[in-house]
Amino acid sequence: MEERKRFQNQTLNSEDYEKTEEGAQAVKNGGKVLAALALAVGVGKKYGPALLKNLSKLRKI
């Protein structure tokens, strides 16, 4: 009995290649957005309470 080939070599046409590139770019941009969000949350947790305290003092003046 002959073994069935599980994978075949296929050439990508321009539409397939474009879709692959768009997906890769979306993942890359999503990673950048998540990294920026994580950084903002980290900075907010560290410096947020002191910043809010100083802002409330300034508002009372």
N, C-alpha and C. Protein backbone atom coordinates (compact mmCIF):
# COMPACT_ATOMS: atom_id res chain seq x y z
N MET A 1 0.84 -1.18 0.00
CA MET A 1 0.00 0.00 0.00
C MET A 1 0.89 1.25 0.00
N GLU A 2 0.58 2.16 -0.85
CA GLU A 2 1.39 3.36 -1.01
C GLU A 2 1.00 4.40 0.04
N GLU A 3 2.03 5.03 0.62
CA GLU A 3 1.75 6.07 1.60
C GLU A 3 1.24 7.32 0.93
N ARG A 4 0.22 7.90 1.52
CA ARG A 4 -0.35 9.12 0.97
C ARG A 4 0.53 10.30 1.36
N LYS A 5 0.76 11.20 0.43
CA LYS A 5 1.53 12.40 0.74
C LYS A 5 0.66 13.33 1.57
N ARG A 6 1.20 13.76 2.69
CA ARG A 6 0.42 14.62 3.56
C ARG A 6 0.58 16.08 3.19
N PHE A 7 1.73 16.43 2.68
CA PHE A 7 1.99 17.82 2.33
C PHE A 7 2.39 17.88 0.86
N GLN A 8 1.91 18.91 0.22
CA GLN A 8 2.25 19.10 -1.19
C GLN A 8 2.91 20.45 -1.36
N ASN A 9 3.87 20.50 -2.26
CA ASN A 9 4.47 21.78 -2.57
C ASN A 9 3.52 22.57 -3.44
N GLN A 10 3.20 23.77 -3.00
CA GLN A 10 2.31 24.62 -3.76
C GLN A 10 2.95 25.99 -3.88
N THR A 11 2.75 26.58 -5.01
CA THR A 11 3.25 27.94 -5.17
C THR A 11 2.12 28.90 -4.80
N LEU A 12 2.49 29.96 -4.12
CA LEU A 12 1.49 30.95 -3.72
C LEU A 12 1.28 31.93 -4.85
N ASN A 13 0.02 32.21 -5.12
CA ASN A 13 -0.24 33.27 -6.09
C ASN A 13 -0.18 34.61 -5.36
N SER A 14 -0.30 35.68 -6.07
CA SER A 14 -0.11 37.01 -5.47
C SER A 14 -1.17 37.31 -4.42
N GLU A 15 -2.40 36.83 -4.60
CA GLU A 15 -3.45 37.07 -3.61
C GLU A 15 -3.16 36.36 -2.29
N ASP A 16 -2.71 35.10 -2.39
CA ASP A 16 -2.37 34.36 -1.18
C ASP A 16 -1.21 35.02 -0.45
N TYR A 17 -0.22 35.44 -1.20
CA TYR A 17 0.93 36.10 -0.59
C TYR A 17 0.52 37.40 0.08
N GLU A 18 -0.35 38.14 -0.57
CA GLU A 18 -0.81 39.41 -0.02
C GLU A 18 -1.59 39.19 1.28
N LYS A 19 -2.43 38.17 1.32
CA LYS A 19 -3.18 37.86 2.53
C LYS A 19 -2.24 37.46 3.67
N THR A 20 -1.22 36.68 3.34
CA THR A 20 -0.25 36.27 4.35
C THR A 20 0.49 37.48 4.90
N GLU A 21 0.90 38.38 4.03
CA GLU A 21 1.61 39.59 4.46
C GLU A 21 0.71 40.49 5.31
N GLU A 22 -0.55 40.61 4.93
CA GLU A 22 -1.49 41.43 5.71
C GLU A 22 -1.69 40.84 7.10
N GLY A 23 -1.81 39.52 7.19
CA GLY A 23 -1.96 38.87 8.48
C GLY A 23 -0.74 39.07 9.36
N ALA A 24 0.44 38.95 8.77
CA ALA A 24 1.67 39.16 9.53
C ALA A 24 1.77 40.60 10.02
N GLN A 25 1.38 41.54 9.19
CA GLN A 25 1.43 42.95 9.59
C GLN A 25 0.42 43.23 10.71
N ALA A 26 -0.75 42.59 10.65
CA ALA A 26 -1.76 42.77 11.70
C ALA A 26 -1.25 42.23 13.03
N VAL A 27 -0.58 41.09 13.01
CA VAL A 27 -0.03 40.52 14.24
C VAL A 27 1.06 41.43 14.79
N LYS A 28 1.90 41.96 13.91
CA LYS A 28 2.98 42.85 14.34
C LYS A 28 2.42 44.12 14.97
N ASN A 29 1.43 44.73 14.33
CA ASN A 29 0.83 45.95 14.86
C ASN A 29 0.08 45.69 16.16
N GLY A 30 -0.58 44.55 16.25
CA GLY A 30 -1.28 44.19 17.48
C GLY A 30 -0.31 44.03 18.63
N GLY A 31 0.85 43.46 18.37
CA GLY A 31 1.87 43.32 19.40
C GLY A 31 2.37 44.67 19.88
N LYS A 32 2.53 45.60 18.96
CA LYS A 32 2.98 46.95 19.34
C LYS A 32 1.93 47.63 20.21
N VAL A 33 0.67 47.50 19.86
CA VAL A 33 -0.41 48.12 20.64
C VAL A 33 -0.47 47.51 22.04
N LEU A 34 -0.37 46.19 22.12
CA LEU A 34 -0.41 45.53 23.43
C LEU A 34 0.79 45.91 24.29
N ALA A 35 1.96 46.04 23.68
CA ALA A 35 3.15 46.44 24.43
C ALA A 35 3.00 47.86 24.97
N ALA A 36 2.48 48.75 24.14
CA ALA A 36 2.28 50.14 24.58
C ALA A 36 1.25 50.20 25.71
N LEU A 37 0.19 49.41 25.58
CA LEU A 37 -0.84 49.37 26.62
C LEU A 37 -0.28 48.82 27.93
N ALA A 38 0.52 47.77 27.84
CA ALA A 38 1.12 47.19 29.05
C ALA A 38 2.05 48.19 29.71
N LEU A 39 2.81 48.92 28.92
CA LEU A 39 3.71 49.93 29.47
C LEU A 39 2.92 51.04 30.15
N ALA A 40 1.83 51.48 29.51
CA ALA A 40 1.01 52.54 30.10
C ALA A 40 0.38 52.09 31.41
N VAL A 41 -0.08 50.86 31.47
CA VAL A 41 -0.68 50.34 32.70
C VAL A 41 0.37 50.24 33.79
N GLY A 42 1.56 49.78 33.43
CA GLY A 42 2.64 49.67 34.42
C GLY A 42 3.03 51.02 34.99
N VAL A 43 3.17 52.00 34.13
CA VAL A 43 3.52 53.36 34.57
C VAL A 43 2.38 53.94 35.41
N GLY A 44 1.16 53.70 34.98
CA GLY A 44 0.01 54.20 35.73
C GLY A 44 -0.08 53.62 37.13
N LYS A 45 0.22 52.32 37.24
CA LYS A 45 0.17 51.69 38.57
C LYS A 45 1.29 52.22 39.47
N LYS A 46 2.43 52.50 38.88
CA LYS A 46 3.56 52.93 39.70
C LYS A 46 3.44 54.40 40.10
N TYR A 47 3.13 55.25 39.14
CA TYR A 47 3.13 56.69 39.39
C TYR A 47 1.73 57.31 39.51
N GLY A 48 0.70 56.54 39.27
CA GLY A 48 -0.66 57.06 39.29
C GLY A 48 -1.11 57.64 40.60
N PRO A 49 -0.95 56.93 41.71
CA PRO A 49 -1.43 57.47 42.99
C PRO A 49 -0.76 58.79 43.37
N ALA A 50 0.56 58.88 43.18
CA ALA A 50 1.26 60.13 43.51
C ALA A 50 0.80 61.26 42.60
N LEU A 51 0.60 60.95 41.33
CA LEU A 51 0.14 61.96 40.37
C LEU A 51 -1.24 62.47 40.75
N LEU A 52 -2.15 61.57 41.09
CA LEU A 52 -3.49 61.99 41.48
C LEU A 52 -3.48 62.81 42.76
N LYS A 53 -2.61 62.43 43.69
CA LYS A 53 -2.50 63.19 44.94
C LYS A 53 -2.02 64.61 44.68
N ASN A 54 -1.01 64.76 43.84
CA ASN A 54 -0.50 66.09 43.51
C ASN A 54 -1.52 66.91 42.72
N LEU A 55 -2.26 66.26 41.83
CA LEU A 55 -3.28 66.98 41.08
C LEU A 55 -4.39 67.48 42.00
N SER A 56 -4.76 66.67 42.98
CA SER A 56 -5.81 67.11 43.91
C SER A 56 -5.31 68.28 44.77
N LYS A 57 -4.02 68.28 45.11
CA LYS A 57 -3.46 69.42 45.85
C LYS A 57 -3.49 70.68 45.01
N LEU A 58 -3.13 70.56 43.74
CA LEU A 58 -3.13 71.71 42.85
C LEU A 58 -4.55 72.27 42.64
N ARG A 59 -5.51 71.38 42.59
CA ARG A 59 -6.89 71.81 42.38
C ARG A 59 -7.42 72.58 43.58
N LYS A 60 -6.96 72.24 44.78
CA LYS A 60 -7.44 72.89 46.00
C LYS A 60 -6.89 74.31 46.12
N ILE A 61 -5.79 74.57 45.47
CA ILE A 61 -5.16 75.90 45.59
C ILE A 61 -5.97 76.95 44.90
